[in-house]
Every structure is written in structure tokens, then in C-alpha cells.
N, C-alpha and C. Protein backbone atom coordinates (compact mmCIF):
# COMPACT_ATOMS: atom_id res chain seq x y z
N MET A 1 0.84 -1.18 0.00
CA MET A 1 0.00 0.00 0.00
C MET A 1 0.89 1.24 0.00
N MET A 2 0.49 2.25 -0.73
CA MET A 2 1.30 3.46 -0.81
C MET A 2 1.10 4.31 0.45
N ASN A 3 1.57 5.52 0.42
CA ASN A 3 1.70 6.36 1.61
C ASN A 3 0.43 6.61 2.41
N ASP A 4 -0.69 6.86 1.78
CA ASP A 4 -1.87 7.22 2.56
C ASP A 4 -3.14 6.82 1.84
N GLU A 5 -4.25 7.34 2.32
CA GLU A 5 -5.54 6.92 1.82
C GLU A 5 -5.84 7.35 0.39
N LEU A 6 -5.00 8.12 -0.25
CA LEU A 6 -5.23 8.48 -1.65
C LEU A 6 -4.79 7.37 -2.58
N SER A 7 -4.04 6.45 -2.10
CA SER A 7 -3.56 5.34 -2.92
C SER A 7 -4.62 4.27 -2.96
N SER A 8 -4.60 3.52 -4.02
CA SER A 8 -5.52 2.41 -4.13
C SER A 8 -5.22 1.41 -3.02
N SER A 9 -6.25 0.72 -2.53
CA SER A 9 -6.05 -0.20 -1.42
C SER A 9 -5.45 -1.52 -1.86
N ARG A 10 -5.38 -1.81 -3.15
CA ARG A 10 -4.78 -3.08 -3.57
C ARG A 10 -3.26 -2.99 -3.53
N LYS A 11 -2.63 -4.15 -3.34
CA LYS A 11 -1.17 -4.18 -3.26
C LYS A 11 -0.57 -3.87 -4.62
N ARG A 12 0.56 -3.18 -4.59
CA ARG A 12 1.25 -2.80 -5.81
C ARG A 12 2.67 -3.36 -5.75
N PRO A 13 3.23 -3.64 -6.92
CA PRO A 13 4.62 -4.08 -6.92
C PRO A 13 5.52 -2.94 -6.48
N ALA A 14 6.75 -3.27 -6.13
CA ALA A 14 7.70 -2.23 -5.74
C ALA A 14 7.80 -1.18 -6.83
N LYS A 15 7.90 0.05 -6.42
CA LYS A 15 7.95 1.16 -7.37
C LYS A 15 9.21 1.06 -8.22
N ARG A 16 9.01 1.11 -9.52
CA ARG A 16 10.13 1.06 -10.45
C ARG A 16 10.46 2.44 -10.94
N SER A 17 11.68 2.61 -11.37
CA SER A 17 12.10 3.88 -11.95
C SER A 17 11.29 4.13 -13.21
N SER A 18 10.83 5.33 -13.40
CA SER A 18 10.01 5.67 -14.56
C SER A 18 10.71 6.72 -15.41
N PRO A 19 10.70 6.55 -16.74
CA PRO A 19 11.29 7.58 -17.58
C PRO A 19 10.53 8.90 -17.47
N ILE A 20 9.28 8.82 -17.07
CA ILE A 20 8.49 10.03 -16.95
C ILE A 20 9.03 10.90 -15.82
N THR A 21 9.25 10.32 -14.67
CA THR A 21 9.71 11.12 -13.55
C THR A 21 11.13 11.63 -13.78
N HIS A 22 11.92 10.92 -14.56
CA HIS A 22 13.25 11.41 -14.87
C HIS A 22 13.21 12.66 -15.74
N HIS A 23 12.14 12.83 -16.47
CA HIS A 23 12.02 13.99 -17.35
C HIS A 23 11.19 15.10 -16.74
N SER A 24 10.78 14.92 -15.52
CA SER A 24 9.93 15.90 -14.86
C SER A 24 10.67 16.55 -13.70
N SER A 25 10.28 17.76 -13.41
CA SER A 25 10.81 18.45 -12.25
C SER A 25 9.67 18.63 -11.28
N PRO A 26 9.95 19.02 -10.04
CA PRO A 26 8.86 19.25 -9.09
C PRO A 26 7.91 20.35 -9.56
N ILE A 27 8.40 21.25 -10.39
CA ILE A 27 7.60 22.38 -10.84
C ILE A 27 6.82 22.05 -12.11
N THR A 28 7.47 21.37 -13.04
CA THR A 28 6.84 21.05 -14.32
C THR A 28 6.85 19.55 -14.55
N PHE A 29 5.66 18.97 -14.66
CA PHE A 29 5.52 17.56 -14.97
C PHE A 29 5.50 17.42 -16.49
N LYS A 30 6.22 16.43 -17.02
CA LYS A 30 6.28 16.22 -18.47
C LYS A 30 5.84 14.81 -18.81
N TRP A 31 5.00 14.71 -19.85
CA TRP A 31 4.47 13.42 -20.30
C TRP A 31 4.64 13.32 -21.81
N PRO A 32 5.41 12.34 -22.29
CA PRO A 32 5.61 12.19 -23.74
C PRO A 32 4.42 11.52 -24.41
N ILE A 33 4.11 11.98 -25.60
CA ILE A 33 3.02 11.41 -26.40
C ILE A 33 3.49 11.35 -27.85
N ARG A 34 3.17 10.25 -28.51
CA ARG A 34 3.43 10.14 -29.94
C ARG A 34 2.10 10.28 -30.66
N VAL A 35 2.11 10.98 -31.78
CA VAL A 35 0.90 11.17 -32.58
C VAL A 35 0.71 9.93 -33.46
N TYR A 36 -0.44 9.32 -33.32
CA TYR A 36 -0.80 8.17 -34.15
C TYR A 36 -1.68 8.62 -35.31
N TYR A 37 -1.77 7.78 -36.30
CA TYR A 37 -2.58 8.08 -37.49
C TYR A 37 -4.02 8.42 -37.08
N GLU A 38 -4.54 7.68 -36.11
CA GLU A 38 -5.93 7.90 -35.66
C GLU A 38 -6.14 9.27 -35.03
N ASP A 39 -5.06 9.95 -34.65
CA ASP A 39 -5.15 11.29 -34.04
C ASP A 39 -5.29 12.40 -35.08
N THR A 40 -5.09 12.05 -36.36
CA THR A 40 -5.03 13.08 -37.40
C THR A 40 -6.34 13.19 -38.17
N ASP A 41 -6.47 14.29 -38.86
CA ASP A 41 -7.66 14.53 -39.68
C ASP A 41 -7.31 14.34 -41.16
N LEU A 42 -8.21 14.68 -42.04
CA LEU A 42 -8.01 14.52 -43.47
C LEU A 42 -6.81 15.31 -43.98
N GLY A 43 -6.46 16.39 -43.29
CA GLY A 43 -5.32 17.20 -43.69
C GLY A 43 -3.98 16.64 -43.19
N GLY A 44 -4.03 15.55 -42.41
CA GLY A 44 -2.80 14.95 -41.91
C GLY A 44 -2.24 15.58 -40.65
N VAL A 45 -3.02 16.46 -40.05
CA VAL A 45 -2.58 17.08 -38.80
C VAL A 45 -3.47 16.60 -37.66
N VAL A 46 -3.01 16.79 -36.43
CA VAL A 46 -3.79 16.36 -35.28
C VAL A 46 -5.12 17.10 -35.26
N TYR A 47 -6.20 16.34 -35.19
CA TYR A 47 -7.54 16.89 -35.10
C TYR A 47 -7.63 17.70 -33.81
N TYR A 48 -8.21 18.88 -33.88
CA TYR A 48 -8.16 19.84 -32.78
C TYR A 48 -8.65 19.26 -31.45
N ALA A 49 -9.69 18.44 -31.45
CA ALA A 49 -10.24 17.90 -30.20
C ALA A 49 -9.28 16.92 -29.53
N ASN A 50 -8.38 16.33 -30.30
CA ASN A 50 -7.45 15.36 -29.71
C ASN A 50 -6.42 16.02 -28.80
N TYR A 51 -6.18 17.31 -28.98
CA TYR A 51 -5.29 18.01 -28.06
C TYR A 51 -5.87 17.96 -26.64
N LEU A 52 -7.19 18.01 -26.52
CA LEU A 52 -7.83 17.92 -25.22
C LEU A 52 -7.54 16.56 -24.57
N LYS A 53 -7.54 15.50 -25.37
CA LYS A 53 -7.22 14.17 -24.86
C LYS A 53 -5.77 14.11 -24.37
N PHE A 54 -4.87 14.70 -25.13
CA PHE A 54 -3.46 14.72 -24.73
C PHE A 54 -3.30 15.45 -23.39
N LEU A 55 -3.99 16.57 -23.24
CA LEU A 55 -3.91 17.35 -22.00
C LEU A 55 -4.46 16.55 -20.82
N GLU A 56 -5.59 15.87 -21.05
CA GLU A 56 -6.22 15.07 -20.00
C GLU A 56 -5.30 13.94 -19.54
N ARG A 57 -4.68 13.27 -20.49
CA ARG A 57 -3.77 12.16 -20.14
C ARG A 57 -2.61 12.67 -19.28
N ALA A 58 -2.06 13.81 -19.65
CA ALA A 58 -0.94 14.36 -18.88
C ALA A 58 -1.37 14.73 -17.46
N ARG A 59 -2.58 15.29 -17.31
CA ARG A 59 -3.06 15.63 -15.95
C ARG A 59 -3.25 14.36 -15.12
N THR A 60 -3.77 13.31 -15.73
CA THR A 60 -3.96 12.04 -15.02
C THR A 60 -2.61 11.48 -14.58
N GLU A 61 -1.63 11.52 -15.46
CA GLU A 61 -0.30 11.00 -15.11
C GLU A 61 0.40 11.88 -14.09
N TRP A 62 0.12 13.18 -14.12
CA TRP A 62 0.65 14.10 -13.11
C TRP A 62 0.16 13.70 -11.72
N LEU A 63 -1.15 13.46 -11.62
CA LEU A 63 -1.72 13.02 -10.34
C LEU A 63 -1.12 11.69 -9.92
N ARG A 64 -0.99 10.77 -10.87
CA ARG A 64 -0.42 9.45 -10.57
C ARG A 64 1.02 9.60 -10.07
N ALA A 65 1.79 10.51 -10.68
CA ALA A 65 3.17 10.75 -10.23
C ALA A 65 3.21 11.32 -8.81
N LEU A 66 2.14 11.98 -8.41
CA LEU A 66 2.02 12.49 -7.04
C LEU A 66 1.55 11.40 -6.08
N GLY A 67 1.28 10.20 -6.62
CA GLY A 67 0.81 9.10 -5.79
C GLY A 67 -0.69 9.08 -5.61
N VAL A 68 -1.40 9.74 -6.50
CA VAL A 68 -2.85 9.83 -6.40
C VAL A 68 -3.50 9.06 -7.54
N GLU A 69 -4.29 8.08 -7.18
CA GLU A 69 -5.09 7.35 -8.17
C GLU A 69 -6.51 7.93 -8.14
N GLN A 70 -6.99 8.33 -9.28
CA GLN A 70 -8.32 8.95 -9.33
C GLN A 70 -9.42 7.97 -8.94
N THR A 71 -9.22 6.68 -9.21
CA THR A 71 -10.23 5.70 -8.78
C THR A 71 -10.30 5.63 -7.26
N ALA A 72 -9.15 5.78 -6.59
CA ALA A 72 -9.15 5.78 -5.13
C ALA A 72 -9.83 7.03 -4.58
N LEU A 73 -9.61 8.17 -5.24
CA LEU A 73 -10.31 9.39 -4.83
C LEU A 73 -11.81 9.18 -4.89
N ALA A 74 -12.28 8.56 -5.95
CA ALA A 74 -13.72 8.35 -6.13
C ALA A 74 -14.28 7.35 -5.13
N THR A 75 -13.59 6.24 -4.92
CA THR A 75 -14.14 5.21 -4.03
C THR A 75 -13.94 5.51 -2.56
N GLU A 76 -12.78 6.06 -2.20
CA GLU A 76 -12.47 6.27 -0.79
C GLU A 76 -12.88 7.63 -0.26
N HIS A 77 -12.83 8.65 -1.11
CA HIS A 77 -13.16 10.01 -0.68
C HIS A 77 -14.46 10.53 -1.28
N ARG A 78 -15.00 9.78 -2.23
CA ARG A 78 -16.25 10.18 -2.91
C ARG A 78 -16.10 11.52 -3.62
N VAL A 79 -14.95 11.75 -4.22
CA VAL A 79 -14.73 12.97 -5.00
C VAL A 79 -14.09 12.61 -6.34
N ILE A 80 -14.36 13.45 -7.33
CA ILE A 80 -13.71 13.36 -8.62
C ILE A 80 -13.35 14.77 -9.06
N PHE A 81 -12.46 14.84 -10.06
CA PHE A 81 -12.12 16.13 -10.64
C PHE A 81 -12.83 16.27 -11.98
N VAL A 82 -13.37 17.46 -12.22
CA VAL A 82 -14.00 17.75 -13.51
C VAL A 82 -13.41 19.05 -14.05
N VAL A 83 -13.30 19.13 -15.36
CA VAL A 83 -12.82 20.37 -15.96
C VAL A 83 -13.94 21.38 -15.90
N ARG A 84 -13.68 22.47 -15.24
CA ARG A 84 -14.67 23.55 -15.13
C ARG A 84 -14.55 24.50 -16.31
N SER A 85 -13.31 24.81 -16.68
CA SER A 85 -13.10 25.66 -17.84
C SER A 85 -11.72 25.39 -18.42
N ILE A 86 -11.60 25.69 -19.70
CA ILE A 86 -10.31 25.54 -20.37
C ILE A 86 -10.19 26.62 -21.43
N ALA A 87 -9.03 27.23 -21.49
CA ALA A 87 -8.71 28.19 -22.55
C ALA A 87 -7.53 27.58 -23.30
N LEU A 88 -7.77 27.17 -24.53
CA LEU A 88 -6.77 26.46 -25.31
C LEU A 88 -6.42 27.27 -26.54
N GLU A 89 -5.13 27.51 -26.70
CA GLU A 89 -4.66 28.26 -27.86
C GLU A 89 -3.78 27.35 -28.71
N TYR A 90 -4.20 27.21 -29.98
CA TYR A 90 -3.45 26.40 -30.93
C TYR A 90 -2.45 27.31 -31.64
N LEU A 91 -1.18 26.94 -31.59
CA LEU A 91 -0.14 27.79 -32.16
C LEU A 91 0.43 27.22 -33.46
N LYS A 92 0.71 25.92 -33.47
CA LYS A 92 1.25 25.24 -34.65
C LYS A 92 0.68 23.83 -34.69
N PRO A 93 0.53 23.26 -35.88
CA PRO A 93 -0.03 21.90 -35.96
C PRO A 93 0.99 20.82 -35.65
N ALA A 94 0.49 19.72 -35.11
CA ALA A 94 1.27 18.49 -34.94
C ALA A 94 0.79 17.53 -36.03
N ALA A 95 1.66 16.62 -36.41
CA ALA A 95 1.34 15.69 -37.50
C ALA A 95 1.64 14.25 -37.09
N PHE A 96 1.20 13.32 -37.92
CA PHE A 96 1.40 11.90 -37.70
C PHE A 96 2.87 11.61 -37.37
N ASN A 97 3.06 10.79 -36.34
CA ASN A 97 4.35 10.29 -35.89
C ASN A 97 5.21 11.32 -35.14
N ASP A 98 4.70 12.53 -34.93
CA ASP A 98 5.44 13.51 -34.13
C ASP A 98 5.58 12.99 -32.70
N GLU A 99 6.72 13.28 -32.11
CA GLU A 99 6.92 13.02 -30.68
C GLU A 99 6.68 14.33 -29.95
N LEU A 100 5.67 14.33 -29.10
CA LEU A 100 5.27 15.54 -28.37
C LEU A 100 5.55 15.36 -26.89
N VAL A 101 5.60 16.47 -26.19
CA VAL A 101 5.67 16.46 -24.73
C VAL A 101 4.56 17.37 -24.24
N VAL A 102 3.78 16.85 -23.30
CA VAL A 102 2.70 17.63 -22.69
C VAL A 102 3.12 17.90 -21.25
N THR A 103 3.07 19.17 -20.85
CA THR A 103 3.48 19.53 -19.49
C THR A 103 2.28 19.96 -18.66
N VAL A 104 2.46 19.86 -17.35
CA VAL A 104 1.47 20.33 -16.37
C VAL A 104 2.23 21.14 -15.34
N GLU A 105 1.81 22.39 -15.15
CA GLU A 105 2.39 23.25 -14.12
C GLU A 105 1.25 23.76 -13.25
N LEU A 106 1.36 23.52 -11.97
CA LEU A 106 0.35 24.02 -11.04
C LEU A 106 0.46 25.53 -10.96
N GLU A 107 -0.64 26.21 -11.21
CA GLU A 107 -0.67 27.67 -11.07
C GLU A 107 -1.26 28.08 -9.73
N GLN A 108 -2.34 27.40 -9.33
CA GLN A 108 -3.00 27.76 -8.08
C GLN A 108 -3.84 26.59 -7.60
N ALA A 109 -3.82 26.36 -6.30
CA ALA A 109 -4.69 25.36 -5.69
C ALA A 109 -5.52 26.04 -4.63
N GLY A 110 -6.82 25.93 -4.77
CA GLY A 110 -7.73 26.49 -3.78
C GLY A 110 -8.38 25.37 -2.99
N ALA A 111 -9.38 25.72 -2.21
CA ALA A 111 -10.05 24.73 -1.37
C ALA A 111 -10.76 23.66 -2.19
N ALA A 112 -11.36 24.06 -3.32
CA ALA A 112 -12.15 23.12 -4.11
C ALA A 112 -11.79 23.11 -5.59
N GLN A 113 -10.73 23.82 -5.96
CA GLN A 113 -10.35 23.83 -7.37
C GLN A 113 -8.85 24.00 -7.53
N VAL A 114 -8.38 23.61 -8.71
CA VAL A 114 -6.97 23.71 -9.06
C VAL A 114 -6.90 24.35 -10.44
N ARG A 115 -5.92 25.23 -10.61
CA ARG A 115 -5.65 25.80 -11.94
C ARG A 115 -4.27 25.35 -12.37
N VAL A 116 -4.19 24.86 -13.61
CA VAL A 116 -2.91 24.44 -14.16
C VAL A 116 -2.68 25.08 -15.51
N LEU A 117 -1.41 25.25 -15.83
CA LEU A 117 -0.99 25.70 -17.15
C LEU A 117 -0.41 24.48 -17.84
N GLN A 118 -0.85 24.21 -19.05
CA GLN A 118 -0.34 23.08 -19.80
C GLN A 118 0.17 23.54 -21.15
N ARG A 119 1.22 22.86 -21.61
CA ARG A 119 1.81 23.16 -22.91
C ARG A 119 2.01 21.85 -23.66
N ILE A 120 1.87 21.94 -24.96
CA ILE A 120 2.21 20.81 -25.84
C ILE A 120 3.33 21.30 -26.74
N THR A 121 4.45 20.56 -26.70
CA THR A 121 5.61 20.97 -27.48
C THR A 121 6.10 19.82 -28.35
N ARG A 122 6.81 20.20 -29.40
CA ARG A 122 7.52 19.27 -30.26
C ARG A 122 8.95 19.80 -30.33
N GLY A 123 9.85 19.12 -29.61
CA GLY A 123 11.20 19.67 -29.49
C GLY A 123 11.13 21.00 -28.76
N THR A 124 11.66 22.03 -29.41
CA THR A 124 11.63 23.37 -28.79
C THR A 124 10.43 24.19 -29.25
N GLU A 125 9.61 23.64 -30.15
CA GLU A 125 8.45 24.37 -30.68
C GLU A 125 7.25 24.20 -29.76
N GLU A 126 6.62 25.29 -29.39
CA GLU A 126 5.38 25.24 -28.63
C GLU A 126 4.23 25.17 -29.61
N LEU A 127 3.42 24.10 -29.48
CA LEU A 127 2.31 23.88 -30.41
C LEU A 127 0.97 24.35 -29.86
N ALA A 128 0.80 24.23 -28.56
CA ALA A 128 -0.47 24.63 -27.94
C ALA A 128 -0.24 24.95 -26.47
N THR A 129 -1.05 25.87 -25.95
CA THR A 129 -1.04 26.17 -24.52
C THR A 129 -2.47 26.15 -24.02
N ALA A 130 -2.61 25.75 -22.77
CA ALA A 130 -3.95 25.68 -22.18
C ALA A 130 -3.90 26.08 -20.72
N ARG A 131 -4.88 26.84 -20.32
CA ARG A 131 -5.10 27.13 -18.90
C ARG A 131 -6.37 26.38 -18.53
N VAL A 132 -6.23 25.50 -17.53
CA VAL A 132 -7.33 24.60 -17.18
C VAL A 132 -7.70 24.81 -15.72
N ARG A 133 -8.99 24.99 -15.48
CA ARG A 133 -9.51 25.08 -14.11
C ARG A 133 -10.26 23.80 -13.83
N ILE A 134 -9.83 23.11 -12.79
CA ILE A 134 -10.38 21.80 -12.45
C ILE A 134 -11.07 21.92 -11.10
N ALA A 135 -12.31 21.45 -11.03
CA ALA A 135 -13.07 21.50 -9.79
C ALA A 135 -13.14 20.12 -9.16
N CYS A 136 -13.11 20.09 -7.84
CA CYS A 136 -13.30 18.86 -7.08
C CYS A 136 -14.78 18.80 -6.70
N VAL A 137 -15.45 17.71 -7.10
CA VAL A 137 -16.88 17.59 -6.82
C VAL A 137 -17.20 16.26 -6.16
N ASN A 138 -18.30 16.24 -5.43
CA ASN A 138 -18.81 15.04 -4.80
C ASN A 138 -19.34 14.11 -5.88
N THR A 139 -19.05 12.81 -5.78
CA THR A 139 -19.48 11.85 -6.81
C THR A 139 -20.99 11.67 -6.88
N ALA A 140 -21.69 11.91 -5.81
CA ALA A 140 -23.15 11.72 -5.81
C ALA A 140 -23.90 12.96 -6.26
N THR A 141 -23.43 14.13 -5.83
CA THR A 141 -24.17 15.36 -6.10
C THR A 141 -23.57 16.23 -7.20
N PHE A 142 -22.31 15.99 -7.51
CA PHE A 142 -21.55 16.82 -8.46
C PHE A 142 -21.47 18.28 -8.02
N ARG A 143 -21.61 18.48 -6.73
CA ARG A 143 -21.43 19.82 -6.16
C ARG A 143 -20.00 19.96 -5.70
N PRO A 144 -19.45 21.18 -5.76
CA PRO A 144 -18.06 21.39 -5.32
C PRO A 144 -17.85 21.02 -3.86
N VAL A 145 -16.71 20.39 -3.59
CA VAL A 145 -16.31 20.04 -2.22
C VAL A 145 -14.81 20.31 -2.08
N ARG A 146 -14.35 20.35 -0.85
CA ARG A 146 -12.92 20.57 -0.59
C ARG A 146 -12.10 19.42 -1.16
N ILE A 147 -10.95 19.77 -1.68
CA ILE A 147 -10.00 18.76 -2.13
C ILE A 147 -9.48 18.05 -0.87
N PRO A 148 -9.42 16.72 -0.88
CA PRO A 148 -8.93 16.01 0.30
C PRO A 148 -7.54 16.50 0.73
N ARG A 149 -7.36 16.71 2.03
CA ARG A 149 -6.12 17.25 2.60
C ARG A 149 -4.86 16.52 2.11
N PRO A 150 -4.84 15.19 2.09
CA PRO A 150 -3.61 14.54 1.63
C PRO A 150 -3.19 14.96 0.22
N LEU A 151 -4.15 15.24 -0.64
CA LEU A 151 -3.82 15.68 -2.00
C LEU A 151 -3.29 17.11 -1.98
N THR A 152 -3.92 17.98 -1.23
CA THR A 152 -3.42 19.37 -1.18
C THR A 152 -2.01 19.40 -0.61
N ASP A 153 -1.73 18.53 0.35
CA ASP A 153 -0.38 18.45 0.89
C ASP A 153 0.62 18.01 -0.17
N ARG A 154 0.23 17.09 -1.02
CA ARG A 154 1.13 16.58 -2.05
C ARG A 154 1.40 17.59 -3.15
N ILE A 155 0.44 18.40 -3.47
CA ILE A 155 0.69 19.38 -4.52
C ILE A 155 1.33 20.65 -3.97
N GLY A 156 1.54 20.68 -2.67
CA GLY A 156 2.32 21.75 -2.08
C GLY A 156 1.57 23.00 -1.66
N ASN A 157 0.28 22.91 -1.54
CA ASN A 157 -0.50 24.07 -1.11
C ASN A 157 -1.38 23.65 0.05
N LYS A 158 -1.27 24.31 1.16
CA LYS A 158 -2.08 23.99 2.33
C LYS A 158 -3.37 24.79 2.28
N THR A 159 -4.44 24.15 1.76
CA THR A 159 -5.72 24.85 1.66
C THR A 159 -6.56 24.61 2.89
């Protein structure tokens, strides 16, 4: 079992070194993504809605790197995270087989919401930026609730 109640209750194998954490800093989490053919449109570039999927995957892996499993949040704390708002700016297109990096940077953590800045890059080129506001809600009512204390402690903000 991992450190606290945010971890899943099932046993896990010993933690192995991950290439993801080697490429991440405490300030900026980085998640590599390769563009597959299915991600592209008729023009051969990444379909605009798929950038949202890339951003979502990186946020999920960011939480996982913090030791937080979203399924455990839902079952043990009865809370989930939902995107409340997103401002996404497309700067340059990505294409089939591109190797991208999606980052997550915590901008602000409040009692019931988190704001992050995310970027999608290809090498040194910035392809897209997003500011995402994520709300913590009760699984039964979908009303805002406080983020569980162990999670706020892990992301470095005492709410």
C-alpha cells in the first residue's frame, strides 16, 4: 500500500524507476506522447479535439506521479475532478508520428479547485497552450467540495 488513503487499497509491486519522472521536475511535470494516425484529420494534422485528450492524459499521469489514483479518490473520498473551464490556444499543428511532450504546471490550488498551465511541445516548438480550471466535486451530487487534505499536501499548497 502506498503512503496514505489516496492510494488504491490493492497491493502494488515495488515502485520502479520511470522515464516520466526522470524527465519531470517538481515544478513542471512532463508526459511524452506520440501522434498516431488515428489522431489526425483529413489534412494529416492532429484533429483539434485530440489536443484535449493529450492534455487530460498528462493531468492524469501528473496526479499518478504524485501518488494519487483517481479511482481511489472516487471510491475512498467520494470525489472526482471535472474540468470547469479551459482556454486552449493552438499555435502550430502536430502531425502523424510527431513526438510531443505535454506539461502540467500548477498555477493555483484552492479549497475546491486547481488551476494548471499546460503546454504541448515538439522539441523546442510550442504547439499549444492551455489554462485549465479543475473542480473537485462530490461523486453523488456533483457539487463542489474541498480537495482532500492529503492531496493538497502533495501538490504543495495547504488549503
